[in-house]
Amino acid sequence: MRKKLGLAREAVADADAILITAGAGMGVDSGLPDFRGNEGFWEAYPPMKGLGISFFEMANPSWFERDPTLAWGFYGHRLNLYRNTEPHEGFEILRTWGQEKPGGFFVFTSNVDGQFQRALFPEDRILECHGSINHLQCASPCTDDIWSAQDQDVAVDDQTFRAQQPLPSCPRCGGLARPNVLMFGDWSWISHRSHEQESRFATWLQSIVGQKLVVVELGAGTAVPTVRMTSEQTVQRNSGALIRINMREPQVPHDQIGIAGGALETLRSLDERE
């Protein structure tokens, strides 16, 4: 472990630019659930266990049509939780590293919680590949508009995890609104906000061609491998170094650095000046 931490420190110090990639494990040290497996999901949402509903089944847009108060109970509770959660110190460590690099930094995350924005990362340096719970869209949808959920309050019964009326609505048609989050089996997700982020990410990658890149990946598992694939593909294309920080799945391609540890603890260790 000491050798891996030393190699990782060198990779960060030598880099001209940093790509930060993050999955659900990044938020665990802030107190957020990662919904790993049914038991983890049911521990966070006990009524779902009684109903026999898994996270995979609950994170489906069909609930907004067949049971809107249950759908908004789940997403409203998450929205409130994320709003009331302060990002852990590791976010600041990463932001400081990125600001010190001549090529700067970018964030690629599958998390929809907006924690990087809360940690004062610039909006134009973040790609949320699965959308954002802090933005809304029409559930139908009647329009491709996406709007902020900043002024939207969702009251949720703590016992039943059902949302109370009134539920969020579309300002155009008056029908039900939903989070602008890519769910499982989702054909109604409006993606242009994330596509605009993808365009800025591509422009940044082009701007650092020829520079030393380090990819710091945190808490991204294999169940939904979008983040891990992006990390590995970016390293291959840019001849960079990958530092994968993952408590349970630290495996990496040949000659890369895999560290079995939590995000905050490992970032603190890497940030120590020797």
C-alpha atoms as a PDB file:
ATOM      1  CA  MET A   1       0.000   0.000   0.000  1.00  0.00           C
ATOM      2  CA  ARG A   2       2.811   2.431   0.842  1.00  0.00           C
ATOM      3  CA  LYS A   3       4.380   1.811  -2.582  1.00  0.00           C
ATOM      4  CA  LYS A   4       1.054   2.424  -4.343  1.00  0.00           C
ATOM      5  CA  LEU A   5       0.477   5.635  -2.413  1.00  0.00           C
ATOM      6  CA  GLY A   6       3.977   6.794  -3.349  1.00  0.00           C
ATOM      7  CA  LEU A   7       3.395   6.072  -7.046  1.00  0.00           C
ATOM      8  CA  ALA A   8       0.055   7.852  -6.890  1.00  0.00           C
ATOM      9  CA  ARG A   9       1.590  10.944  -5.266  1.00  0.00           C
ATOM     10  CA  GLU A  10       4.223  11.059  -8.008  1.00  0.00           C
ATOM     11  CA  ALA A  11       1.587  10.723 -10.721  1.00  0.00           C
ATOM     12  CA  VAL A  12      -0.437  13.607  -9.284  1.00  0.00           C
ATOM     13  CA  ALA A  13       2.638  15.788  -8.768  1.00  0.00           C
ATOM     14  CA  ASP A  14       3.957  15.178 -12.311  1.00  0.00           C
ATOM     15  CA  ALA A  15       0.635  15.715 -14.088  1.00  0.00           C
ATOM     16  CA  ASP A  16      -0.179  18.796 -16.135  1.00  0.00           C
ATOM     17  CA  ALA A  17      -3.924  18.135 -15.923  1.00  0.00           C
ATOM     18  CA  ILE A  18      -6.328  16.079 -13.801  1.00  0.00           C
ATOM     19  CA  LEU A  19      -9.492  14.247 -14.755  1.00  0.00           C
ATOM     20  CA  ILE A  20     -11.561  13.407 -11.670  1.00  0.00           C
ATOM     21  CA  THR A  21     -14.003  10.553 -12.209  1.00  0.00           C
ATOM     22  CA  ALA A  22     -16.455   9.575  -9.489  1.00  0.00           C
ATOM     23  CA  GLY A  23     -19.157   7.060  -8.684  1.00  0.00           C
ATOM     24  CA  ALA A  24     -21.447   6.571  -5.697  1.00  0.00           C
ATOM     25  CA  GLY A  25     -18.572   5.629  -3.387  1.00  0.00           C
ATOM     26  CA  MET A  26     -17.352   9.218  -3.511  1.00  0.00           C
ATOM     27  CA  GLY A  27     -20.260  10.388  -1.362  1.00  0.00           C
ATOM     28  CA  VAL A  28     -20.112   7.679   1.302  1.00  0.00           C
ATOM     29  CA  ASP A  29     -17.659   9.662   3.428  1.00  0.00           C
ATOM     30  CA  SER A  30     -20.134  12.553   3.416  1.00  0.00           C
ATOM     31  CA  GLY A  31     -22.749  10.208   4.862  1.00  0.00           C
ATOM     32  CA  LEU A  32     -24.594   9.425   1.631  1.00  0.00           C
ATOM     33  CA  PRO A  33     -25.846   5.878   0.897  1.00  0.00           C
ATOM     34  CA  ASP A  34     -24.425   4.088  -2.138  1.00  0.00           C
ATOM     35  CA  PHE A  35     -27.370   1.640  -2.510  1.00  0.00           C
ATOM     36  CA  ARG A  36     -24.942  -1.246  -3.019  1.00  0.00           C
ATOM     37  CA  GLY A  37     -27.183  -4.309  -3.297  1.00  0.00           C
ATOM     38  CA  ASN A  38     -30.761  -4.663  -2.102  1.00  0.00           C
ATOM     39  CA  GLU A  39     -29.833  -4.781   1.580  1.00  0.00           C
ATOM     40  CA  GLY A  40     -28.068  -1.412   1.381  1.00  0.00           C
ATOM     41  CA  PHE A  41     -31.017   0.105  -0.456  1.00  0.00           C
ATOM     42  CA  TRP A  42     -33.575  -1.351   1.953  1.00  0.00           C
ATOM     43  CA  GLU A  43     -31.588  -0.130   4.953  1.00  0.00           C
ATOM     44  CA  ALA A  44     -31.878   3.416   3.595  1.00  0.00           C
ATOM     45  CA  TYR A  45     -35.531   2.960   2.504  1.00  0.00           C
ATOM     46  CA  PRO A  46     -37.235   0.389   4.802  1.00  0.00           C
ATOM     47  CA  PRO A  47     -40.729   0.691   3.208  1.00  0.00           C
ATOM     48  CA  MET A  48     -39.255  -0.545  -0.084  1.00  0.00           C
ATOM     49  CA  LYS A  49     -38.213  -3.769   1.645  1.00  0.00           C
ATOM     50  CA  GLY A  50     -41.777  -4.337   2.778  1.00  0.00           C
ATOM     51  CA  LEU A  51     -42.953  -3.812  -0.791  1.00  0.00           C
ATOM     52  CA  GLY A  52     -40.155  -6.022  -2.141  1.00  0.00           C
ATOM     53  CA  ILE A  53     -38.947  -3.270  -4.471  1.00  0.00           C
ATOM     54  CA  SER A  54     -35.236  -3.205  -5.369  1.00  0.00           C
ATOM     55  CA  PHE A  55     -33.238  -0.084  -6.242  1.00  0.00           C
ATOM     56  CA  PHE A  56     -33.119  -1.263  -9.858  1.00  0.00           C
ATOM     57  CA  GLU A  57     -36.921  -1.486  -9.912  1.00  0.00           C
ATOM     58  CA  MET A  58     -37.494   1.799  -8.042  1.00  0.00           C
ATOM     59  CA  ALA A  59     -35.144   3.820 -10.253  1.00  0.00           C
ATOM     60  CA  ASN A  60     -37.528   3.469 -13.180  1.00  0.00           C
ATOM     61  CA  PRO A  61     -39.555   6.282 -14.767  1.00  0.00           C
ATOM     62  CA  SER A  62     -42.716   4.138 -14.933  1.00  0.00           C
ATOM     63  CA  TRP A  63     -43.357   4.880 -11.221  1.00  0.00           C
ATOM     64  CA  PHE A  64     -44.126   8.517 -12.053  1.00  0.00           C
ATOM     65  CA  GLU A  65     -47.105   7.281 -14.062  1.00  0.00           C
ATOM     66  CA  ARG A  66     -48.377   4.418 -11.895  1.00  0.00           C
ATOM     67  CA  ASP A  67     -47.571   5.712  -8.395  1.00  0.00           C
ATOM     68  CA  PRO A  68     -46.412   9.357  -8.436  1.00  0.00           C
ATOM     69  CA  THR A  69     -46.363   9.849  -4.656  1.00  0.00           C
ATOM     70  CA  LEU A  70     -44.090   6.816  -4.209  1.00  0.00           C
ATOM     71  CA  ALA A  71     -41.841   7.947  -7.082  1.00  0.00           C
ATOM     72  CA  TRP A  72     -41.507  11.450  -5.679  1.00  0.00           C
ATOM     73  CA  GLY A  73     -41.170  10.042  -2.174  1.00  0.00           C
ATOM     74  CA  PHE A  74     -38.017   8.257  -3.291  1.00  0.00           C
ATOM     75  CA  TYR A  75     -36.560  11.076  -5.382  1.00  0.00           C
ATOM     76  CA  GLY A  76     -37.809  13.829  -3.091  1.00  0.00           C
ATOM     77  CA  HIS A  77     -36.130  12.209  -0.105  1.00  0.00           C
ATOM     78  CA  ARG A  78     -32.886  11.948  -2.082  1.00  0.00           C
ATOM     79  CA  LEU A  79     -33.171  15.569  -3.206  1.00  0.00           C
ATOM     80  CA  ASN A  80     -33.598  16.740   0.381  1.00  0.00           C
ATOM     81  CA  LEU A  81     -30.776  14.487   1.586  1.00  0.00           C
ATOM     82  CA  TYR A  82     -28.329  15.793  -1.002  1.00  0.00           C
ATOM     83  CA  ARG A  83     -29.288  19.394  -0.279  1.00  0.00           C
ATOM     84  CA  ASN A  84     -28.550  18.919   3.415  1.00  0.00           C
ATOM     85  CA  THR A  85     -25.249  17.077   2.952  1.00  0.00           C
ATOM     86  CA  GLU A  86     -21.935  18.900   3.125  1.00  0.00           C
ATOM     87  CA  PRO A  87     -19.251  17.500   0.788  1.00  0.00           C
ATOM     88  CA  HIS A  88     -16.350  15.933   2.657  1.00  0.00           C
ATOM     89  CA  GLU A  89     -12.823  17.352   2.725  1.00  0.00           C
ATOM     90  CA  GLY A  90     -11.719  15.163  -0.184  1.00  0.00           C
ATOM     91  CA  PHE A  91     -13.595  17.384  -2.621  1.00  0.00           C
ATOM     92  CA  GLU A  92     -11.518  20.382  -1.567  1.00  0.00           C
ATOM     93  CA  ILE A  93      -8.297  18.373  -1.902  1.00  0.00           C
ATOM     94  CA  LEU A  94      -9.192  17.441  -5.480  1.00  0.00           C
ATOM     95  CA  ARG A  95     -10.229  20.990  -6.380  1.00  0.00           C
ATOM     96  CA  THR A  96      -6.946  22.360  -5.023  1.00  0.00           C
ATOM     97  CA  TRP A  97      -4.932  19.834  -7.033  1.00  0.00           C
ATOM     98  CA  GLY A  98      -6.807  20.742 -10.187  1.00  0.00           C
ATOM     99  CA  GLN A  99      -6.379  24.485  -9.701  1.00  0.00           C
ATOM    100  CA  GLU A 100      -2.615  24.019  -9.397  1.00  0.00           C
ATOM    101  CA  LYS A 101      -2.282  22.326 -12.798  1.00  0.00           C
ATOM    102  CA  PRO A 102      -1.516  24.325 -15.968  1.00  0.00           C
ATOM    103  CA  GLY A 103      -3.995  22.224 -17.944  1.00  0.00           C
ATOM    104  CA  GLY A 104      -6.615  22.469 -15.233  1.00  0.00           C
ATOM    105  CA  PHE A 105      -9.140  19.766 -14.435  1.00  0.00           C
ATOM    106  CA  PHE A 106     -12.482  18.265 -15.351  1.00  0.00           C
ATOM    107  CA  VAL A 107     -14.982  16.110 -13.439  1.00  0.00           C
ATOM    108  CA  PHE A 108     -16.814  13.133 -14.943  1.00  0.00           C
ATOM    109  CA  THR A 109     -19.380  11.666 -12.560  1.00  0.00           C
ATOM    110  CA  SER A 110     -22.294   9.262 -12.628  1.00  0.00           C
ATOM    111  CA  ASN A 111     -23.596  10.815  -9.410  1.00  0.00           C
ATOM    112  CA  VAL A 112     -26.732  12.924  -9.686  1.00  0.00           C
ATOM    113  CA  ASP A 113     -26.339  14.560  -6.263  1.00  0.00           C
ATOM    114  CA  GLY A 114     -24.696  17.874  -7.231  1.00  0.00           C
ATOM    115  CA  GLN A 115     -22.014  17.440  -4.562  1.00  0.00           C
ATOM    116  CA  PHE A 116     -19.219  18.707  -6.806  1.00  0.00           C
ATOM    117  CA  GLN A 117     -21.142  21.938  -7.367  1.00  0.00           C
ATOM    118  CA  ARG A 118     -21.752  22.234  -3.620  1.00  0.00           C
ATOM    119  CA  ALA A 119     -17.991  21.804  -3.154  1.00  0.00           C
ATOM    120  CA  LEU A 120     -17.454  24.880  -5.370  1.00  0.00           C
ATOM    121  CA  PHE A 121     -16.287  23.102  -8.512  1.00  0.00           C
ATOM    122  CA  PRO A 122     -17.083  25.308 -11.540  1.00  0.00           C
ATOM    123  CA  GLU A 123     -20.281  24.280 -13.326  1.00  0.00           C
ATOM    124  CA  ASP A 124     -18.516  24.329 -16.695  1.00  0.00           C
ATOM    125  CA  ARG A 125     -15.952  21.767 -15.507  1.00  0.00           C
ATOM    126  CA  ILE A 126     -18.445  19.026 -14.576  1.00  0.00           C
ATOM    127  CA  LEU A 127     -20.010  16.282 -16.699  1.00  0.00           C
ATOM    128  CA  GLU A 128     -22.944  14.507 -15.039  1.00  0.00           C
ATOM    129  CA  CYS A 129     -23.432  11.557 -17.383  1.00  0.00           C
ATOM    130  CA  HIS A 130     -26.647  10.405 -15.670  1.00  0.00           C
ATOM    131  CA  GLY A 131     -28.138  13.864 -15.247  1.00  0.00           C
ATOM    132  CA  SER A 132     -28.905  15.787 -12.079  1.00  0.00           C
ATOM    133  CA  ILE A 133     -31.549  15.457  -9.383  1.00  0.00           C
ATOM    134  CA  ASN A 134     -31.202  19.212  -8.924  1.00  0.00           C
ATOM    135  CA  HIS A 135     -32.872  19.770 -12.295  1.00  0.00           C
ATOM    136  CA  LEU A 136     -36.386  18.881 -13.454  1.00  0.00           C
ATOM    137  CA  GLN A 137     -38.163  18.009 -16.687  1.00  0.00           C
ATOM    138  CA  CYS A 138     -41.718  17.221 -17.738  1.00  0.00           C
ATOM    139  CA  ALA A 139     -42.557  13.565 -17.064  1.00  0.00           C
ATOM    140  CA  SER A 140     -44.528  13.207 -20.323  1.00  0.00           C
ATOM    141  CA  PRO A 141     -42.480  15.057 -21.668  1.00  0.00           C
ATOM    142  CA  CYS A 142     -44.415  17.838 -23.361  1.00  0.00           C
ATOM    143  CA  THR A 143     -41.247  19.864 -23.946  1.00  0.00           C
ATOM    144  CA  ASP A 144     -37.485  19.383 -23.914  1.00  0.00           C
ATOM    145  CA  ASP A 145     -37.084  22.154 -21.317  1.00  0.00           C
ATOM    146  CA  ILE A 146     -34.914  21.479 -18.267  1.00  0.00           C
ATOM    147  CA  TRP A 147     -35.213  23.755 -15.254  1.00  0.00           C
ATOM    148  CA  SER A 148     -33.644  24.103 -11.829  1.00  0.00           C
ATOM    149  CA  ALA A 149     -35.197  22.393  -8.821  1.00  0.00           C
ATOM    150  CA  GLN A 150     -33.732  25.061  -6.537  1.00  0.00           C
ATOM    151  CA  ASP A 151     -37.116  26.544  -5.606  1.00  0.00           C
ATOM    152  CA  GLN A 152     -38.904  23.186  -5.451  1.00  0.00           C
ATOM    153  CA  ASP A 153     -39.711  21.748  -2.034  1.00  0.00           C
ATOM    154  CA  VAL A 154     -40.839  18.133  -1.744  1.00  0.00           C
ATOM    155  CA  ALA A 155     -42.314  17.073   1.604  1.00  0.00           C
ATOM    156  CA  VAL A 156     -41.863  13.346   2.273  1.00  0.00           C
ATOM    157  CA  ASP A 157     -43.488  11.256   5.001  1.00  0.00           C
ATOM    158  CA  ASP A 158     -40.633   9.642   6.933  1.00  0.00           C
ATOM    159  CA  GLN A 159     -42.667   6.516   7.722  1.00  0.00           C
ATOM    160  CA  THR A 160     -44.120   5.700   4.310  1.00  0.00           C
ATOM    161  CA  PHE A 161     -41.544   7.512   2.136  1.00  0.00           C
ATOM    162  CA  ARG A 162     -44.406   8.900   0.084  1.00  0.00           C
ATOM    163  CA  ALA A 163     -44.389  12.497  -1.075  1.00  0.00           C
ATOM    164  CA  GLN A 164     -47.144  14.832   0.005  1.00  0.00           C
ATOM    165  CA  GLN A 165     -49.139  16.998  -2.370  1.00  0.00           C
ATOM    166  CA  PRO A 166     -48.529  19.162  -4.255  1.00  0.00           C
ATOM    167  CA  LEU A 167     -46.033  17.234  -6.353  1.00  0.00           C
ATOM    168  CA  PRO A 168     -43.618  19.052  -8.665  1.00  0.00           C
ATOM    169  CA  SER A 169     -45.320  20.051 -11.900  1.00  0.00           C
ATOM    170  CA  CYS A 170     -44.361  21.132 -15.395  1.00  0.00           C
ATOM    171  CA  PRO A 171     -44.758  24.918 -15.831  1.00  0.00           C
ATOM    172  CA  ARG A 172     -45.742  24.427 -19.467  1.00  0.00           C
ATOM    173  CA  CYS A 173     -48.480  21.751 -19.397  1.00  0.00           C
ATOM    174  CA  GLY A 174     -49.235  21.567 -15.669  1.00  0.00           C
ATOM    175  CA  GLY A 175     -48.615  17.828 -15.633  1.00  0.00           C
ATOM    176  CA  LEU A 176     -46.243  15.942 -13.387  1.00  0.00           C
ATOM    177  CA  ALA A 177     -42.546  16.838 -13.414  1.00  0.00           C
ATOM    178  CA  ARG A 178     -39.699  14.423 -12.682  1.00  0.00           C
ATOM    179  CA  PRO A 179     -35.976  14.725 -11.976  1.00  0.00           C
ATOM    180  CA  ASN A 180     -33.747  15.150 -15.016  1.00  0.00           C
ATOM    181  CA  VAL A 181     -32.029  11.882 -14.100  1.00  0.00           C
ATOM    182  CA  LEU A 182     -31.312   8.976 -16.425  1.00  0.00           C
ATOM    183  CA  MET A 183     -33.170   6.017 -14.899  1.00  0.00           C
ATOM    184  CA  PHE A 184     -33.249   2.346 -15.863  1.00  0.00           C
ATOM    185  CA  GLY A 185     -35.342   1.677 -18.964  1.00  0.00           C
ATOM    186  CA  ASP A 186     -35.677   5.421 -19.474  1.00  0.00           C
ATOM    187  CA  TRP A 187     -36.839   6.593 -22.908  1.00  0.00           C
ATOM    188  CA  SER A 188     -38.113   9.956 -21.674  1.00  0.00           C
ATOM    189  CA  TRP A 189     -34.904  11.405 -20.236  1.00  0.00           C
ATOM    190  CA  ILE A 190     -34.079  14.763 -21.802  1.00  0.00           C
ATOM    191  CA  SER A 191     -30.350  14.668 -22.391  1.00  0.00           C
ATOM    192  CA  HIS A 192     -29.314  17.983 -23.932  1.00  0.00           C
ATOM    193  CA  ARG A 193     -27.938  19.390 -20.662  1.00  0.00           C
ATOM    194  CA  SER A 194     -25.590  16.418 -20.298  1.00  0.00           C
ATOM    195  CA  HIS A 195     -24.737  16.558 -24.003  1.00  0.00           C
ATOM    196  CA  GLU A 196     -23.639  20.181 -23.584  1.00  0.00           C
ATOM    197  CA  GLN A 197     -21.424  19.042 -20.715  1.00  0.00           C
ATOM    198  CA  GLU A 198     -20.018  16.288 -22.952  1.00  0.00           C
ATOM    199  CA  SER A 199     -19.123  18.903 -25.547  1.00  0.00           C
ATOM    200  CA  ARG A 200     -17.192  20.979 -23.005  1.00  0.00           C
ATOM    201  CA  PHE A 201     -15.434  17.832 -21.788  1.00  0.00           C
ATOM    202  CA  ALA A 202     -14.363  16.956 -25.339  1.00  0.00           C
ATOM    203  CA  THR A 203     -13.061  20.498 -25.841  1.00  0.00           C
ATOM    204  CA  TRP A 204     -11.041  20.263 -22.629  1.00  0.00           C
ATOM    205  CA  LEU A 205      -9.543  16.912 -23.608  1.00  0.00           C
ATOM    206  CA  GLN A 206      -8.495  18.408 -26.932  1.00  0.00           C
ATOM    207  CA  SER A 207      -6.878  21.352 -25.153  1.00  0.00           C
ATOM    208  CA  ILE A 208      -4.584  19.077 -23.105  1.00  0.00           C
ATOM    209  CA  VAL A 209      -3.334  16.876 -25.950  1.00  0.00           C
ATOM    210  CA  GLY A 210       0.385  16.321 -25.423  1.00  0.00           C
ATOM    211  CA  GLN A 211       0.227  17.154 -21.716  1.00  0.00           C
ATOM    212  CA  LYS A 212       0.642  14.669 -18.863  1.00  0.00           C
ATOM    213  CA  LEU A 213      -2.775  13.587 -17.658  1.00  0.00           C
ATOM    214  CA  VAL A 214      -3.654  11.801 -14.440  1.00  0.00           C
ATOM    215  CA  VAL A 215      -7.111  10.295 -13.923  1.00  0.00           C
ATOM    216  CA  VAL A 216      -8.174  10.067 -10.278  1.00  0.00           C
ATOM    217  CA  GLU A 217     -11.154   7.733 -10.019  1.00  0.00           C
ATOM    218  CA  LEU A 218     -13.113   7.444  -6.778  1.00  0.00           C
ATOM    219  CA  GLY A 219     -15.793   4.976  -5.719  1.00  0.00           C
ATOM    220  CA  ALA A 220     -16.835   3.769  -9.166  1.00  0.00           C
ATOM    221  CA  GLY A 221     -17.978   0.147  -9.237  1.00  0.00           C
ATOM    222  CA  THR A 222     -18.460  -2.430 -11.958  1.00  0.00           C
ATOM    223  CA  ALA A 223     -22.250  -2.845 -11.643  1.00  0.00           C
ATOM    224  CA  VAL A 224     -22.776   0.210 -13.870  1.00  0.00           C
ATOM    225  CA  PRO A 225     -19.300   0.568 -15.417  1.00  0.00           C
ATOM    226  CA  THR A 226     -19.721   3.927 -17.191  1.00  0.00           C
ATOM    227  CA  VAL A 227     -17.222   5.769 -14.988  1.00  0.00           C
ATOM    228  CA  ARG A 228     -14.615   2.993 -14.969  1.00  0.00           C
ATOM    229  CA  MET A 229     -14.795   2.661 -18.771  1.00  0.00           C
ATOM    230  CA  THR A 230     -14.413   6.421 -19.209  1.00  0.00           C
ATOM    231  CA  SER A 231     -11.382   6.459 -16.906  1.00  0.00           C
ATOM    232  CA  GLU A 232      -9.656   3.625 -18.747  1.00  0.00           C
ATOM    233  CA  GLN A 233     -10.484   4.868 -22.243  1.00  0.00           C
ATOM    234  CA  THR A 234      -9.281   8.386 -21.445  1.00  0.00           C
ATOM    235  CA  VAL A 235      -5.995   7.053 -20.061  1.00  0.00           C
ATOM    236  CA  GLN A 236      -5.463   4.924 -23.179  1.00  0.00           C
ATOM    237  CA  ARG A 237      -6.141   7.783 -25.574  1.00  0.00           C
ATOM    238  CA  ASN A 238      -4.014  10.292 -23.690  1.00  0.00           C
ATOM    239  CA  SER A 239      -1.230   7.964 -22.467  1.00  0.00           C
ATOM    240  CA  GLY A 240      -2.033   9.044 -18.937  1.00  0.00           C
ATOM    241  CA  ALA A 241      -1.903   7.480 -15.490  1.00  0.00           C
ATOM    242  CA  LEU A 242      -4.930   6.031 -13.710  1.00  0.00           C
ATOM    243  CA  ILE A 243      -5.323   6.091  -9.934  1.00  0.00           C
ATOM    244  CA  ARG A 244      -8.356   3.975  -9.018  1.00  0.00           C
ATOM    245  CA  ILE A 245      -9.509   4.411  -5.409  1.00  0.00           C
ATOM    246  CA  ASN A 246     -12.119   1.820  -4.521  1.00  0.00           C
ATOM    247  CA  MET A 247     -12.766   0.000  -1.272  1.00  0.00           C
ATOM    248  CA  ARG A 248     -14.076  -3.205  -2.866  1.00  0.00           C
ATOM    249  CA  GLU A 249     -13.047  -3.180  -6.538  1.00  0.00           C
ATOM    250  CA  PRO A 250      -9.605  -1.577  -6.926  1.00  0.00           C
ATOM    251  CA  GLN A 251      -8.512  -3.760  -9.856  1.00  0.00           C
ATOM    252  CA  VAL A 252      -6.784  -1.832 -12.650  1.00  0.00           C
ATOM    253  CA  PRO A 253      -5.279  -2.506 -16.094  1.00  0.00           C
ATOM    254  CA  HIS A 254      -1.572  -3.315 -16.280  1.00  0.00           C
ATOM    255  CA  ASP A 255       0.803  -0.580 -15.062  1.00  0.00           C
ATOM    256  CA  GLN A 256      -1.955   1.490 -13.453  1.00  0.00           C
ATOM    257  CA  ILE A 257      -2.513   2.160  -9.743  1.00  0.00           C
ATOM    258  CA  GLY A 258      -5.328   0.522  -7.790  1.00  0.00           C
ATOM    259  CA  ILE A 259      -5.780   1.473  -4.136  1.00  0.00           C
ATOM    260  CA  ALA A 260      -8.199  -0.412  -1.883  1.00  0.00           C
ATOM    261  CA  GLY A 261      -9.487   2.379   0.332  1.00  0.00           C
ATOM    262  CA  GLY A 262     -12.163   4.944   0.918  1.00  0.00           C
ATOM    263  CA  ALA A 263     -12.153   8.245  -0.960  1.00  0.00           C
ATOM    264  CA  LEU A 264     -11.519  10.637   1.929  1.00  0.00           C
ATOM    265  CA  GLU A 265      -8.925   8.547   3.750  1.00  0.00           C
ATOM    266  CA  THR A 266      -6.944   7.896   0.578  1.00  0.00           C
ATOM    267  CA  LEU A 267      -7.091  11.492  -0.648  1.00  0.00           C
ATOM    268  CA  ARG A 268      -5.815  12.693   2.715  1.00  0.00           C
ATOM    269  CA  SER A 269      -2.921  10.239   2.479  1.00  0.00           C
ATOM    270  CA  LEU A 270      -2.094  11.336  -1.071  1.00  0.00           C
ATOM    271  CA  ASP A 271      -2.219  14.977  -0.052  1.00  0.00           C
ATOM    272  CA  GLU A 272       0.397  14.564   2.667  1.00  0.00           C
ATOM    273  CA  ARG A 273       3.547  16.461   1.810  1.00  0.00           C
ATOM    274  CA  GLU A 274       6.628  14.398   2.439  1.00  0.00           C
END
